[in-house]
Amino acid sequence: MTSRIDITYLNGPDVERLALSDDEILAAVEGALDAQGRGLTVIEPRVHLVPESSAKGHFNILRGYVKPLGVAGVKVVGDFVDNYERGLPSEMALLSLFDPETGMPVAVIDAAAITDMRTGAMTAIGAKHLARKSSRVLGHVGARGTAYWNVRLLDRLFGFDEIRVHSRRAQSRDAFAARLARDLGKPVMATSDWESCVRGADIVVEASRLPKPEPLLKTEWIAKGALVVPYGTMSAVELSLTDIMDKVVVDDWGQCRKGLPFGALRQHVESDRLTGANLHAELGEIVAGAKPGRQSDDETILFWHRGLSITDIALGAALLAKARHQSVGQVLRYA
């Protein structure tokens, strides 16, 4: 006879109440990357469900296993660009955690905030290893949910002198800049165009939301020695961008290789400008010490991340541990 099985459910207010700190977020994600770099994870390439058209929106399904945490997980996240018209966030998600020894479900977690936090942490940890330590100017394009955590966690590590932000809608970029200025306690400049946002910046992050690929980020704007982090679903960069790079780093080559849809460097891969042979490393290899990150201030480096299931799982596990300690969440009967 099967004994009773309970699962923990953490809803959005629970996740907000648990309030993972910046340092807790960064530590969880960097731990997952270290495990990846040491070969202690399984990452299945994401798959997509497109109900009508990719221009309107789609679902991403991410799957993975992190051996040091003893947990496997699956995240389903919707990405619907016009949700703001309905008063909804563009990305909403659920993360399911499982015992990898038995397959038993362990938890279901509202993963909207997890998606934002882990993306920002990936950007920040990439910069930690790939940007100049003296980086003082950030240029950030995009004001969606992940954008806030990009800027917040980058500033946590670098303490920028100048932060510039841009997005297509004036209302969203002004509100974004105001929120960041309030939370970071420093001025944040909202710019009206791409060039004034990114030209000459030490770190450039492109997190735009385009309905179709369009090369809006010009290669000529990128300063020598900069770090460029493009991760829009639809590419916003020129094919020439990789020509100026001394190193290209990705989060997981399995999700970047030929034949897969979407991504900032999709055409670079399909046209063999970026291959497994000229790729410098996966970030996990750098975090684990298997390959070098930045080796000189003169290097111009590109970091392309598509989103790792293991980082969702790591943050989910951190939330679950904190929830159990603080008696937060609901216990639901499964069987």
C-alpha atoms as a PDB file:
ATOM      1  CA  MET A   1       0.000   0.000   0.000  1.00  0.00           C
ATOM      2  CA  THR A   2       1.371   3.422  -0.977  1.00  0.00           C
ATOM      3  CA  SER A   3       2.055   5.696   1.956  1.00  0.00           C
ATOM      4  CA  ARG A   4       0.746   9.231   1.877  1.00  0.00           C
ATOM      5  CA  ILE A   5       2.690  11.663  -0.298  1.00  0.00           C
ATOM      6  CA  ASP A   6       2.526  15.412   0.276  1.00  0.00           C
ATOM      7  CA  ILE A   7       3.977  18.190  -1.842  1.00  0.00           C
ATOM      8  CA  THR A   8       4.780  21.793  -0.944  1.00  0.00           C
ATOM      9  CA  TYR A   9       3.118  24.577  -2.894  1.00  0.00           C
ATOM     10  CA  LEU A  10       4.722  28.015  -2.881  1.00  0.00           C
ATOM     11  CA  ASN A  11       2.599  30.694  -4.541  1.00  0.00           C
ATOM     12  CA  GLY A  12       3.688  34.169  -5.621  1.00  0.00           C
ATOM     13  CA  PRO A  13       3.061  35.812  -2.232  1.00  0.00           C
ATOM     14  CA  ASP A  14       5.018  32.977  -0.548  1.00  0.00           C
ATOM     15  CA  VAL A  15       8.004  33.588  -2.823  1.00  0.00           C
ATOM     16  CA  GLU A  16       7.781  37.318  -2.131  1.00  0.00           C
ATOM     17  CA  ARG A  17       7.588  36.701   1.622  1.00  0.00           C
ATOM     18  CA  LEU A  18      10.664  34.457   1.564  1.00  0.00           C
ATOM     19  CA  ALA A  19      12.575  37.355  -0.056  1.00  0.00           C
ATOM     20  CA  LEU A  20      15.779  35.708  -1.191  1.00  0.00           C
ATOM     21  CA  SER A  21      18.572  38.255  -0.808  1.00  0.00           C
ATOM     22  CA  ASP A  22      20.777  39.312  -3.702  1.00  0.00           C
ATOM     23  CA  ASP A  23      23.619  37.270  -2.256  1.00  0.00           C
ATOM     24  CA  GLU A  24      21.397  34.182  -1.776  1.00  0.00           C
ATOM     25  CA  ILE A  25      20.278  34.410  -5.402  1.00  0.00           C
ATOM     26  CA  LEU A  26      23.806  34.789  -6.727  1.00  0.00           C
ATOM     27  CA  ALA A  27      25.145  31.964  -4.549  1.00  0.00           C
ATOM     28  CA  ALA A  28      22.417  29.521  -5.621  1.00  0.00           C
ATOM     29  CA  VAL A  29      22.910  30.206  -9.322  1.00  0.00           C
ATOM     30  CA  GLU A  30      26.707  30.174  -9.145  1.00  0.00           C
ATOM     31  CA  GLY A  31      26.519  26.864  -7.274  1.00  0.00           C
ATOM     32  CA  ALA A  32      24.438  25.371 -10.076  1.00  0.00           C
ATOM     33  CA  LEU A  33      26.932  26.639 -12.667  1.00  0.00           C
ATOM     34  CA  ASP A  34      29.808  25.134 -10.701  1.00  0.00           C
ATOM     35  CA  ALA A  35      27.980  21.788 -10.668  1.00  0.00           C
ATOM     36  CA  GLN A  36      27.449  22.058 -14.418  1.00  0.00           C
ATOM     37  CA  GLY A  37      31.122  22.800 -14.955  1.00  0.00           C
ATOM     38  CA  ARG A  38      32.054  19.699 -12.948  1.00  0.00           C
ATOM     39  CA  GLY A  39      29.717  17.457 -14.928  1.00  0.00           C
ATOM     40  CA  LEU A  40      27.226  17.001 -12.084  1.00  0.00           C
ATOM     41  CA  THR A  41      24.095  18.137 -13.887  1.00  0.00           C
ATOM     42  CA  VAL A  42      21.794  17.018 -16.664  1.00  0.00           C
ATOM     43  CA  ILE A  43      20.441  19.771 -18.920  1.00  0.00           C
ATOM     44  CA  GLU A  44      17.915  18.839 -21.570  1.00  0.00           C
ATOM     45  CA  PRO A  45      17.579  21.427 -24.363  1.00  0.00           C
ATOM     46  CA  ARG A  46      14.429  23.455 -23.910  1.00  0.00           C
ATOM     47  CA  VAL A  47      11.429  22.712 -26.074  1.00  0.00           C
ATOM     48  CA  HIS A  48       8.709  25.122 -27.153  1.00  0.00           C
ATOM     49  CA  LEU A  49       4.962  25.117 -27.531  1.00  0.00           C
ATOM     50  CA  VAL A  50       3.686  27.795 -29.923  1.00  0.00           C
ATOM     51  CA  PRO A  51      -0.126  27.944 -29.718  1.00  0.00           C
ATOM     52  CA  GLU A  52      -0.586  30.323 -32.668  1.00  0.00           C
ATOM     53  CA  SER A  53       2.501  32.311 -33.701  1.00  0.00           C
ATOM     54  CA  SER A  54       5.877  33.040 -32.133  1.00  0.00           C
ATOM     55  CA  ALA A  55       5.284  36.779 -32.682  1.00  0.00           C
ATOM     56  CA  LYS A  56       2.341  36.588 -30.255  1.00  0.00           C
ATOM     57  CA  GLY A  57       3.923  34.307 -27.679  1.00  0.00           C
ATOM     58  CA  HIS A  58       4.969  30.800 -26.781  1.00  0.00           C
ATOM     59  CA  PHE A  59       5.744  28.447 -23.900  1.00  0.00           C
ATOM     60  CA  ASN A  60       9.255  27.315 -22.949  1.00  0.00           C
ATOM     61  CA  ILE A  61       9.688  23.946 -21.240  1.00  0.00           C
ATOM     62  CA  LEU A  62      12.980  23.542 -19.368  1.00  0.00           C
ATOM     63  CA  ARG A  63      14.181  20.309 -17.765  1.00  0.00           C
ATOM     64  CA  GLY A  64      17.172  19.470 -15.637  1.00  0.00           C
ATOM     65  CA  TYR A  65      18.846  17.693 -12.716  1.00  0.00           C
ATOM     66  CA  VAL A  66      21.369  19.010 -10.184  1.00  0.00           C
ATOM     67  CA  LYS A  67      23.151  16.145  -8.430  1.00  0.00           C
ATOM     68  CA  PRO A  68      24.632  18.127  -5.484  1.00  0.00           C
ATOM     69  CA  LEU A  69      21.121  19.364  -4.625  1.00  0.00           C
ATOM     70  CA  GLY A  70      19.519  15.947  -5.076  1.00  0.00           C
ATOM     71  CA  VAL A  71      16.647  17.370  -7.096  1.00  0.00           C
ATOM     72  CA  ALA A  72      15.290  17.312 -10.649  1.00  0.00           C
ATOM     73  CA  GLY A  73      12.850  19.788 -12.092  1.00  0.00           C
ATOM     74  CA  VAL A  74      10.682  20.950 -14.956  1.00  0.00           C
ATOM     75  CA  LYS A  75       9.665  24.557 -15.555  1.00  0.00           C
ATOM     76  CA  VAL A  76       6.939  25.710 -17.920  1.00  0.00           C
ATOM     77  CA  VAL A  77       7.028  29.438 -18.649  1.00  0.00           C
ATOM     78  CA  GLY A  78       4.791  31.447 -20.927  1.00  0.00           C
ATOM     79  CA  ASP A  79       6.350  34.340 -22.830  1.00  0.00           C
ATOM     80  CA  PHE A  80       3.647  36.580 -24.295  1.00  0.00           C
ATOM     81  CA  VAL A  81       4.876  39.993 -25.367  1.00  0.00           C
ATOM     82  CA  ASP A  82       1.546  41.896 -25.371  1.00  0.00           C
ATOM     83  CA  ASN A  83       0.387  40.820 -21.911  1.00  0.00           C
ATOM     84  CA  TYR A  84       0.924  44.356 -20.629  1.00  0.00           C
ATOM     85  CA  GLU A  85      -2.208  45.334 -22.574  1.00  0.00           C
ATOM     86  CA  ARG A  86      -4.176  43.004 -20.277  1.00  0.00           C
ATOM     87  CA  GLY A  87      -2.438  44.113 -17.111  1.00  0.00           C
ATOM     88  CA  LEU A  88      -0.475  40.848 -16.933  1.00  0.00           C
ATOM     89  CA  PRO A  89       3.263  40.156 -16.749  1.00  0.00           C
ATOM     90  CA  SER A  90       4.780  38.930 -20.002  1.00  0.00           C
ATOM     91  CA  GLU A  91       6.263  35.862 -18.315  1.00  0.00           C
ATOM     92  CA  MET A  92       4.364  33.555 -15.958  1.00  0.00           C
ATOM     93  CA  ALA A  93       5.703  30.189 -14.891  1.00  0.00           C
ATOM     94  CA  LEU A  94       5.421  27.116 -12.697  1.00  0.00           C
ATOM     95  CA  LEU A  95       8.361  25.017 -11.499  1.00  0.00           C
ATOM     96  CA  SER A  96       7.853  21.397 -10.443  1.00  0.00           C
ATOM     97  CA  LEU A  97      10.563  19.734  -8.331  1.00  0.00           C
ATOM     98  CA  PHE A  98      11.028  15.954  -8.098  1.00  0.00           C
ATOM     99  CA  ASP A  99      13.050  13.393  -6.168  1.00  0.00           C
ATOM    100  CA  PRO A 100      15.440  11.992  -8.824  1.00  0.00           C
ATOM    101  CA  GLU A 101      15.742   8.658  -6.991  1.00  0.00           C
ATOM    102  CA  THR A 102      12.039   7.831  -7.025  1.00  0.00           C
ATOM    103  CA  GLY A 103      10.362  10.343  -9.324  1.00  0.00           C
ATOM    104  CA  MET A 104       8.202  11.502  -6.422  1.00  0.00           C
ATOM    105  CA  PRO A 105       6.939  15.076  -6.775  1.00  0.00           C
ATOM    106  CA  VAL A 106       8.307  17.341  -4.053  1.00  0.00           C
ATOM    107  CA  ALA A 107       7.098  20.876  -4.750  1.00  0.00           C
ATOM    108  CA  VAL A 108       5.250  23.176  -7.119  1.00  0.00           C
ATOM    109  CA  ILE A 109       6.476  26.780  -7.071  1.00  0.00           C
ATOM    110  CA  ASP A 110       5.331  29.973  -8.750  1.00  0.00           C
ATOM    111  CA  ALA A 111       8.386  30.519 -10.933  1.00  0.00           C
ATOM    112  CA  ALA A 112       7.688  33.950 -12.402  1.00  0.00           C
ATOM    113  CA  ALA A 113       9.999  35.644  -9.907  1.00  0.00           C
ATOM    114  CA  ILE A 114      12.458  32.746 -10.148  1.00  0.00           C
ATOM    115  CA  THR A 115      12.695  33.274 -13.908  1.00  0.00           C
ATOM    116  CA  ASP A 116      13.474  36.952 -13.437  1.00  0.00           C
ATOM    117  CA  MET A 117      15.960  36.411 -10.606  1.00  0.00           C
ATOM    118  CA  ARG A 118      17.880  33.561 -12.187  1.00  0.00           C
ATOM    119  CA  THR A 119      18.188  35.433 -15.484  1.00  0.00           C
ATOM    120  CA  GLY A 120      19.569  38.478 -13.705  1.00  0.00           C
ATOM    121  CA  ALA A 121      21.930  36.296 -11.711  1.00  0.00           C
ATOM    122  CA  MET A 122      23.189  34.585 -14.880  1.00  0.00           C
ATOM    123  CA  THR A 123      23.899  37.985 -16.443  1.00  0.00           C
ATOM    124  CA  ALA A 124      25.668  39.181 -13.279  1.00  0.00           C
ATOM    125  CA  ILE A 125      27.753  36.041 -12.775  1.00  0.00           C
ATOM    126  CA  GLY A 126      28.708  36.111 -16.435  1.00  0.00           C
ATOM    127  CA  ALA A 127      29.915  39.680 -15.924  1.00  0.00           C
ATOM    128  CA  LYS A 128      31.733  38.708 -12.732  1.00  0.00           C
ATOM    129  CA  HIS A 129      33.929  36.365 -14.753  1.00  0.00           C
ATOM    130  CA  LEU A 130      33.944  38.094 -18.156  1.00  0.00           C
ATOM    131  CA  ALA A 131      33.744  41.891 -17.655  1.00  0.00           C
ATOM    132  CA  ARG A 132      36.582  44.181 -16.642  1.00  0.00           C
ATOM    133  CA  LYS A 133      36.716  44.542 -12.889  1.00  0.00           C
ATOM    134  CA  SER A 134      36.870  48.308 -13.407  1.00  0.00           C
ATOM    135  CA  SER A 135      33.580  48.414 -15.370  1.00  0.00           C
ATOM    136  CA  ARG A 136      31.688  51.552 -14.368  1.00  0.00           C
ATOM    137  CA  VAL A 137      29.124  52.178 -17.155  1.00  0.00           C
ATOM    138  CA  LEU A 138      26.185  49.884 -17.872  1.00  0.00           C
ATOM    139  CA  GLY A 139      24.002  50.170 -20.963  1.00  0.00           C
ATOM    140  CA  HIS A 140      20.837  48.055 -20.737  1.00  0.00           C
ATOM    141  CA  VAL A 141      18.207  47.675 -23.467  1.00  0.00           C
ATOM    142  CA  GLY A 142      14.882  46.188 -22.390  1.00  0.00           C
ATOM    143  CA  ALA A 143      12.554  46.731 -19.448  1.00  0.00           C
ATOM    144  CA  ARG A 144      10.824  43.363 -19.069  1.00  0.00           C
ATOM    145  CA  GLY A 145      10.742  41.432 -15.820  1.00  0.00           C
ATOM    146  CA  THR A 146      14.230  39.960 -16.125  1.00  0.00           C
ATOM    147  CA  ALA A 147      15.699  43.402 -16.849  1.00  0.00           C
ATOM    148  CA  TYR A 148      15.233  44.660 -13.300  1.00  0.00           C
ATOM    149  CA  TRP A 149      17.279  41.800 -11.867  1.00  0.00           C
ATOM    150  CA  ASN A 150      19.951  42.187 -14.551  1.00  0.00           C
ATOM    151  CA  VAL A 151      20.602  45.757 -13.461  1.00  0.00           C
ATOM    152  CA  ARG A 152      20.122  45.178  -9.742  1.00  0.00           C
ATOM    153  CA  LEU A 153      22.489  42.209  -9.508  1.00  0.00           C
ATOM    154  CA  LEU A 154      25.057  43.706 -11.870  1.00  0.00           C
ATOM    155  CA  ASP A 155      25.127  46.845  -9.749  1.00  0.00           C
ATOM    156  CA  ARG A 156      25.483  44.675  -6.646  1.00  0.00           C
ATOM    157  CA  LEU A 157      28.762  43.355  -8.062  1.00  0.00           C
ATOM    158  CA  PHE A 158      30.127  46.454  -9.831  1.00  0.00           C
ATOM    159  CA  GLY A 159      28.653  49.549  -8.146  1.00  0.00           C
ATOM    160  CA  PHE A 160      28.277  51.469 -11.416  1.00  0.00           C
ATOM    161  CA  ASP A 161      28.922  55.187 -11.768  1.00  0.00           C
ATOM    162  CA  GLU A 162      26.484  55.387 -14.688  1.00  0.00           C
ATOM    163  CA  ILE A 163      23.468  53.260 -15.583  1.00  0.00           C
ATOM    164  CA  ARG A 164      21.629  53.855 -18.876  1.00  0.00           C
ATOM    165  CA  VAL A 165      18.417  52.055 -19.818  1.00  0.00           C
ATOM    166  CA  HIS A 166      16.263  52.017 -22.928  1.00  0.00           C
ATOM    167  CA  SER A 167      13.121  50.267 -24.137  1.00  0.00           C
ATOM    168  CA  ARG A 168      10.707  50.771 -27.005  1.00  0.00           C
ATOM    169  CA  ARG A 169       7.916  52.382 -24.984  1.00  0.00           C
ATOM    170  CA  ALA A 170       8.728  55.653 -23.227  1.00  0.00           C
ATOM    171  CA  GLN A 171       6.309  54.836 -20.408  1.00  0.00           C
ATOM    172  CA  SER A 172       7.993  51.534 -19.596  1.00  0.00           C
ATOM    173  CA  ARG A 173      11.551  52.850 -19.774  1.00  0.00           C
ATOM    174  CA  ASP A 174      10.789  55.873 -17.602  1.00  0.00           C
ATOM    175  CA  ALA A 175       9.038  53.722 -15.001  1.00  0.00           C
ATOM    176  CA  PHE A 176      11.884  51.199 -15.156  1.00  0.00           C
ATOM    177  CA  ALA A 177      14.519  53.881 -14.598  1.00  0.00           C
ATOM    178  CA  ALA A 178      12.525  55.386 -11.718  1.00  0.00           C
ATOM    179  CA  ARG A 179      12.138  52.006  -9.992  1.00  0.00           C
ATOM    180  CA  LEU A 180      15.830  51.236 -10.322  1.00  0.00           C
ATOM    181  CA  ALA A 181      16.853  54.690  -9.111  1.00  0.00           C
ATOM    182  CA  ARG A 182      14.665  54.258  -6.042  1.00  0.00           C
ATOM    183  CA  ASP A 183      15.850  50.737  -5.217  1.00  0.00           C
ATOM    184  CA  LEU A 184      19.540  51.272  -6.007  1.00  0.00           C
ATOM    185  CA  GLY A 185      19.742  54.737  -4.479  1.00  0.00           C
ATOM    186  CA  LYS A 186      21.488  56.286  -7.467  1.00  0.00           C
ATOM    187  CA  PRO A 187      20.556  58.053 -10.709  1.00  0.00           C
ATOM    188  CA  VAL A 188      19.464  55.882 -13.637  1.00  0.00           C
ATOM    189  CA  MET A 189      19.243  57.510 -17.073  1.00  0.00           C
ATOM    190  CA  ALA A 190      16.404  56.554 -19.453  1.00  0.00           C
ATOM    191  CA  THR A 191      17.566  57.114 -23.026  1.00  0.00           C
ATOM    192  CA  SER A 192      15.344  57.594 -26.075  1.00  0.00           C
ATOM    193  CA  ASP A 193      17.405  55.482 -28.474  1.00  0.00           C
ATOM    194  CA  TRP A 194      19.630  52.421 -28.608  1.00  0.00           C
ATOM    195  CA  GLU A 195      22.854  54.208 -29.509  1.00  0.00           C
ATOM    196  CA  SER A 196      22.897  56.659 -26.617  1.00  0.00           C
ATOM    197  CA  CYS A 197      22.197  53.752 -24.282  1.00  0.00           C
ATOM    198  CA  VAL A 198      24.946  51.364 -25.350  1.00  0.00           C
ATOM    199  CA  ARG A 199      27.683  53.298 -27.183  1.00  0.00           C
ATOM    200  CA  GLY A 200      30.944  53.074 -25.240  1.00  0.00           C
ATOM    201  CA  ALA A 201      29.462  51.273 -22.220  1.00  0.00           C
ATOM    202  CA  ASP A 202      31.687  48.859 -20.313  1.00  0.00           C
ATOM    203  CA  ILE A 203      28.876  46.290 -20.066  1.00  0.00           C
ATOM    204  CA  VAL A 204      26.078  46.137 -22.648  1.00  0.00           C
ATOM    205  CA  VAL A 205      23.001  43.989 -21.997  1.00  0.00           C
ATOM    206  CA  GLU A 206      20.441  43.495 -24.784  1.00  0.00           C
ATOM    207  CA  ALA A 207      17.174  42.087 -23.476  1.00  0.00           C
ATOM    208  CA  SER A 208      14.798  43.514 -26.054  1.00  0.00           C
ATOM    209  CA  ARG A 209      11.393  42.109 -27.027  1.00  0.00           C
ATOM    210  CA  LEU A 210      11.162  42.129 -30.810  1.00  0.00           C
ATOM    211  CA  PRO A 211       8.378  40.501 -32.866  1.00  0.00           C
ATOM    212  CA  LYS A 212      10.961  39.428 -35.458  1.00  0.00           C
ATOM    213  CA  PRO A 213      14.763  39.602 -35.836  1.00  0.00           C
ATOM    214  CA  GLU A 214      16.007  43.136 -36.503  1.00  0.00           C
ATOM    215  CA  PRO A 215      19.651  44.344 -36.180  1.00  0.00           C
ATOM    216  CA  LEU A 216      19.072  47.360 -33.942  1.00  0.00           C
ATOM    217  CA  LEU A 217      22.273  46.977 -31.886  1.00  0.00           C
ATOM    218  CA  LYS A 218      25.122  48.166 -34.106  1.00  0.00           C
ATOM    219  CA  THR A 219      28.533  46.548 -33.816  1.00  0.00           C
ATOM    220  CA  GLU A 220      30.296  49.912 -34.250  1.00  0.00           C
ATOM    221  CA  TRP A 221      28.843  51.116 -30.928  1.00  0.00           C
ATOM    222  CA  ILE A 222      30.688  48.465 -28.908  1.00  0.00           C
ATOM    223  CA  ALA A 223      33.857  49.694 -27.191  1.00  0.00           C
ATOM    224  CA  LYS A 224      37.065  47.684 -27.191  1.00  0.00           C
ATOM    225  CA  GLY A 225      37.259  45.644 -23.993  1.00  0.00           C
ATOM    226  CA  ALA A 226      33.495  45.666 -23.380  1.00  0.00           C
ATOM    227  CA  LEU A 227      31.320  42.739 -22.373  1.00  0.00           C
ATOM    228  CA  VAL A 228      28.176  42.308 -24.481  1.00  0.00           C
ATOM    229  CA  VAL A 229      25.315  40.158 -23.207  1.00  0.00           C
ATOM    230  CA  PRO A 230      22.571  39.699 -25.843  1.00  0.00           C
ATOM    231  CA  TYR A 231      19.743  37.326 -24.967  1.00  0.00           C
ATOM    232  CA  GLY A 232      16.595  38.526 -26.683  1.00  0.00           C
ATOM    233  CA  THR A 233      14.363  35.742 -28.026  1.00  0.00           C
ATOM    234  CA  MET A 234      14.471  37.456 -31.416  1.00  0.00           C
ATOM    235  CA  SER A 235      17.926  38.632 -32.480  1.00  0.00           C
ATOM    236  CA  ALA A 236      18.628  42.366 -32.271  1.00  0.00           C
ATOM    237  CA  VAL A 237      22.320  42.196 -33.246  1.00  0.00           C
ATOM    238  CA  GLU A 238      24.250  42.411 -36.498  1.00  0.00           C
ATOM    239  CA  LEU A 239      26.010  39.396 -37.946  1.00  0.00           C
ATOM    240  CA  SER A 240      29.273  41.334 -37.617  1.00  0.00           C
ATOM    241  CA  LEU A 241      29.019  41.414 -33.813  1.00  0.00           C
ATOM    242  CA  THR A 242      30.925  38.155 -33.351  1.00  0.00           C
ATOM    243  CA  ASP A 243      33.691  39.391 -35.700  1.00  0.00           C
ATOM    244  CA  ILE A 244      34.965  41.843 -33.061  1.00  0.00           C
ATOM    245  CA  MET A 245      34.880  39.352 -30.194  1.00  0.00           C
ATOM    246  CA  ASP A 246      37.997  37.830 -28.667  1.00  0.00           C
ATOM    247  CA  LYS A 247      35.867  35.285 -26.818  1.00  0.00           C
ATOM    248  CA  VAL A 248      32.310  34.029 -27.093  1.00  0.00           C
ATOM    249  CA  VAL A 249      30.867  32.251 -24.042  1.00  0.00           C
ATOM    250  CA  VAL A 250      27.449  30.584 -23.719  1.00  0.00           C
ATOM    251  CA  ASP A 251      25.537  29.056 -20.836  1.00  0.00           C
ATOM    252  CA  ASP A 252      24.932  25.710 -22.573  1.00  0.00           C
ATOM    253  CA  TRP A 253      26.076  24.857 -26.083  1.00  0.00           C
ATOM    254  CA  GLY A 254      23.413  22.138 -26.320  1.00  0.00           C
ATOM    255  CA  GLN A 255      20.756  24.868 -26.379  1.00  0.00           C
ATOM    256  CA  CYS A 256      22.672  27.018 -28.861  1.00  0.00           C
ATOM    257  CA  ARG A 257      23.626  24.528 -31.574  1.00  0.00           C
ATOM    258  CA  LYS A 258      22.186  24.382 -35.072  1.00  0.00           C
ATOM    259  CA  GLY A 259      18.573  23.532 -35.760  1.00  0.00           C
ATOM    260  CA  LEU A 260      17.021  25.062 -32.647  1.00  0.00           C
ATOM    261  CA  PRO A 261      14.661  28.061 -32.812  1.00  0.00           C
ATOM    262  CA  PHE A 262      15.058  31.540 -31.338  1.00  0.00           C
ATOM    263  CA  GLY A 263      17.989  33.297 -29.695  1.00  0.00           C
ATOM    264  CA  ALA A 264      20.201  36.342 -30.154  1.00  0.00           C
ATOM    265  CA  LEU A 265      22.930  34.494 -32.090  1.00  0.00           C
ATOM    266  CA  ARG A 266      20.712  32.069 -33.976  1.00  0.00           C
ATOM    267  CA  GLN A 267      21.872  33.250 -37.427  1.00  0.00           C
ATOM    268  CA  HIS A 268      25.487  33.291 -36.265  1.00  0.00           C
ATOM    269  CA  VAL A 269      25.206  29.597 -35.445  1.00  0.00           C
ATOM    270  CA  GLU A 270      23.291  28.662 -38.590  1.00  0.00           C
ATOM    271  CA  SER A 271      25.868  30.468 -40.762  1.00  0.00           C
ATOM    272  CA  ASP A 272      28.836  28.885 -38.911  1.00  0.00           C
ATOM    273  CA  ARG A 273      30.094  32.188 -37.548  1.00  0.00           C
ATOM    274  CA  LEU A 274      29.764  30.544 -34.141  1.00  0.00           C
ATOM    275  CA  THR A 275      30.556  26.847 -33.858  1.00  0.00           C
ATOM    276  CA  GLY A 276      31.546  24.389 -31.179  1.00  0.00           C
ATOM    277  CA  ALA A 277      35.121  24.753 -32.465  1.00  0.00           C
ATOM    278  CA  ASN A 278      35.435  28.530 -32.045  1.00  0.00           C
ATOM    279  CA  LEU A 279      33.297  28.797 -28.913  1.00  0.00           C
ATOM    280  CA  HIS A 280      35.551  29.684 -25.970  1.00  0.00           C
ATOM    281  CA  ALA A 281      33.600  28.000 -23.178  1.00  0.00           C
ATOM    282  CA  GLU A 282      30.370  27.437 -21.342  1.00  0.00           C
ATOM    283  CA  LEU A 283      30.123  29.700 -18.304  1.00  0.00           C
ATOM    284  CA  GLY A 284      29.956  26.703 -15.962  1.00  0.00           C
ATOM    285  CA  GLU A 285      33.405  25.600 -17.144  1.00  0.00           C
ATOM    286  CA  ILE A 286      34.747  29.029 -16.211  1.00  0.00           C
ATOM    287  CA  VAL A 287      32.998  29.088 -12.821  1.00  0.00           C
ATOM    288  CA  ALA A 288      34.376  25.617 -12.034  1.00  0.00           C
ATOM    289  CA  GLY A 289      37.900  26.688 -13.018  1.00  0.00           C
ATOM    290  CA  ALA A 290      38.193  24.367 -16.013  1.00  0.00           C
ATOM    291  CA  LYS A 291      38.634  27.230 -18.493  1.00  0.00           C
ATOM    292  CA  PRO A 292      39.742  30.861 -18.096  1.00  0.00           C
ATOM    293  CA  GLY A 293      37.362  33.803 -18.121  1.00  0.00           C
ATOM    294  CA  ARG A 294      38.631  37.284 -18.956  1.00  0.00           C
ATOM    295  CA  GLN A 295      42.411  37.315 -19.167  1.00  0.00           C
ATOM    296  CA  SER A 296      43.077  40.955 -20.061  1.00  0.00           C
ATOM    297  CA  ASP A 297      41.322  44.323 -20.076  1.00  0.00           C
ATOM    298  CA  ASP A 298      41.700  44.508 -23.870  1.00  0.00           C
ATOM    299  CA  GLU A 299      39.510  41.480 -24.573  1.00  0.00           C
ATOM    300  CA  THR A 300      36.091  42.167 -26.060  1.00  0.00           C
ATOM    301  CA  ILE A 301      33.798  39.355 -24.936  1.00  0.00           C
ATOM    302  CA  LEU A 302      30.283  38.201 -25.741  1.00  0.00           C
ATOM    303  CA  PHE A 303      28.172  36.123 -23.364  1.00  0.00           C
ATOM    304  CA  TRP A 304      25.016  34.551 -24.819  1.00  0.00           C
ATOM    305  CA  HIS A 305      22.692  32.891 -22.355  1.00  0.00           C
ATOM    306  CA  ARG A 306      19.469  31.157 -23.289  1.00  0.00           C
ATOM    307  CA  GLY A 307      18.306  30.174 -19.797  1.00  0.00           C
ATOM    308  CA  LEU A 308      19.317  27.106 -17.814  1.00  0.00           C
ATOM    309  CA  SER A 309      16.863  24.760 -16.141  1.00  0.00           C
ATOM    310  CA  ILE A 310      19.436  24.058 -13.438  1.00  0.00           C
ATOM    311  CA  THR A 311      19.402  27.683 -12.301  1.00  0.00           C
ATOM    312  CA  ASP A 312      15.610  27.574 -11.930  1.00  0.00           C
ATOM    313  CA  ILE A 313      15.985  24.355  -9.974  1.00  0.00           C
ATOM    314  CA  ALA A 314      18.717  25.798  -7.748  1.00  0.00           C
ATOM    315  CA  LEU A 315      16.602  28.825  -6.828  1.00  0.00           C
ATOM    316  CA  GLY A 316      13.549  26.606  -6.346  1.00  0.00           C
ATOM    317  CA  ALA A 317      15.541  24.414  -3.973  1.00  0.00           C
ATOM    318  CA  ALA A 318      16.787  27.478  -2.075  1.00  0.00           C
ATOM    319  CA  LEU A 319      13.228  28.775  -1.710  1.00  0.00           C
ATOM    320  CA  LEU A 320      11.962  25.377  -0.605  1.00  0.00           C
ATOM    321  CA  ALA A 321      14.662  25.044   2.068  1.00  0.00           C
ATOM    322  CA  LYS A 322      13.929  28.540   3.362  1.00  0.00           C
ATOM    323  CA  ALA A 323      10.179  27.883   3.296  1.00  0.00           C
ATOM    324  CA  ARG A 324      10.535  24.730   5.383  1.00  0.00           C
ATOM    325  CA  HIS A 325      12.698  26.580   7.894  1.00  0.00           C
ATOM    326  CA  GLN A 326      10.173  29.424   8.190  1.00  0.00           C
ATOM    327  CA  SER A 327       7.001  27.294   7.822  1.00  0.00           C
ATOM    328  CA  VAL A 328       5.931  29.170   4.683  1.00  0.00           C
ATOM    329  CA  GLY A 329       3.720  27.670   1.970  1.00  0.00           C
ATOM    330  CA  GLN A 330       0.921  25.138   1.719  1.00  0.00           C
ATOM    331  CA  VAL A 331       1.159  21.370   2.052  1.00  0.00           C
ATOM    332  CA  LEU A 332      -0.950  19.657  -0.595  1.00  0.00           C
ATOM    333  CA  ARG A 333      -1.836  15.993  -0.629  1.00  0.00           C
ATOM    334  CA  TYR A 334      -0.611  14.218  -3.762  1.00  0.00           C
ATOM    335  CA  ALA A 335      -1.387  10.587  -2.929  1.00  0.00           C
END
